Amino acid sequence: MQWRDLPERFGPWKTVYERHRLWSADGTRERLLQQVQAAAAGEIHWDISVDSTIVPAHQHAAGARTQPPPNERSTG
């Protein structure tokens, strides 16, 4: 999602972006998250789903050889 696509109820996207950037840099965002998690202890259930089919990988990321294979026949 792009910053410019935020719903209007959050206010101007530049304000939201700047606040996010500053709060991430000074640790405010992390402290807020910790407080919310502490207040909701036992009520938060994390469900994580990763779909690797949407992550393109370069052909060499699949374990391609970095050196040519050794010769099976010696030429001596």
Protein backbone atom coordinates (compact mmCIF):
# COMPACT_ATOMS: atom_id res chain seq x y z
CA MET A 1 0.00 0.00 0.00
CA GLN A 2 1.31 3.41 -0.91
CA TRP A 3 1.19 6.29 1.58
CA ARG A 4 -1.00 8.27 -0.81
CA ASP A 5 -3.60 5.47 -0.73
CA LEU A 6 -4.34 5.83 3.00
CA PRO A 7 -8.01 6.32 3.84
CA GLU A 8 -8.94 9.98 4.42
CA ARG A 9 -9.92 9.26 8.04
CA PHE A 10 -6.18 9.05 8.90
CA GLY A 11 -5.59 12.61 7.72
CA PRO A 12 -3.07 13.89 5.19
CA TRP A 13 -0.74 11.13 4.03
CA LYS A 14 2.33 13.35 4.47
CA THR A 15 1.48 13.88 8.14
CA VAL A 16 1.00 10.14 8.69
CA TYR A 17 4.25 9.36 6.88
CA GLU A 18 6.25 11.95 8.85
CA ARG A 19 4.83 10.76 12.17
CA HIS A 20 5.61 7.14 11.26
CA ARG A 21 9.14 8.05 10.20
CA LEU A 22 9.89 10.08 13.33
CA TRP A 23 8.26 7.63 15.74
CA SER A 24 10.12 4.71 14.16
CA ALA A 25 13.44 6.53 14.44
CA ASP A 26 13.10 7.59 18.08
CA GLY A 27 11.57 4.35 19.41
CA THR A 28 8.09 5.76 20.11
CA ARG A 29 6.39 3.29 17.77
CA GLU A 30 8.06 0.32 19.51
CA ARG A 31 7.06 1.63 22.98
CA LEU A 32 3.46 2.12 21.85
CA LEU A 33 3.35 -1.41 20.46
CA GLN A 34 4.73 -2.83 23.72
CA GLN A 35 2.09 -0.96 25.76
CA VAL A 36 -0.74 -2.17 23.54
CA GLN A 37 0.56 -5.74 23.71
CA ALA A 38 0.87 -5.57 27.51
CA ALA A 39 -2.67 -4.19 27.84
CA ALA A 40 -4.03 -6.98 25.63
CA ALA A 41 -1.96 -9.80 27.16
CA GLY A 42 -3.55 -13.14 26.34
CA GLU A 43 -5.93 -11.59 23.82
CA ILE A 44 -3.51 -11.28 20.91
CA HIS A 45 -3.19 -14.30 18.65
CA TRP A 46 -0.55 -14.04 15.95
CA ASP A 47 -1.39 -15.65 12.63
CA ILE A 48 1.36 -15.40 10.04
CA SER A 49 1.09 -16.53 6.46
CA VAL A 50 3.88 -16.33 3.92
CA ASP A 51 3.16 -17.06 0.30
CA SER A 52 6.46 -17.50 -1.51
CA THR A 53 4.74 -17.69 -4.89
CA ILE A 54 4.54 -13.90 -4.94
CA VAL A 55 8.24 -13.37 -4.23
CA PRO A 56 10.25 -13.48 -7.44
CA ALA A 57 13.76 -14.84 -7.10
CA HIS A 58 16.69 -14.60 -9.43
CA GLN A 59 17.63 -17.90 -11.09
CA HIS A 60 20.87 -18.01 -9.13
CA ALA A 61 18.97 -17.83 -5.84
CA ALA A 62 17.91 -21.45 -6.37
CA GLY A 63 21.34 -22.83 -5.56
CA ALA A 64 22.95 -22.68 -8.98
CA ARG A 65 26.60 -23.69 -9.07
CA THR A 66 29.12 -20.93 -8.62
CA GLN A 67 31.93 -22.89 -10.27
CA PRO A 68 31.84 -25.20 -13.28
CA PRO A 69 31.41 -28.89 -12.47
CA PRO A 70 34.58 -30.98 -12.31
CA ASN A 71 35.47 -32.89 -15.52
CA GLU A 72 34.29 -36.46 -15.35
CA ARG A 73 36.96 -37.57 -17.81
CA SER A 74 40.55 -36.64 -17.49
CA THR A 75 42.23 -35.53 -20.71
CA GLY A 76 45.70 -36.75 -19.74
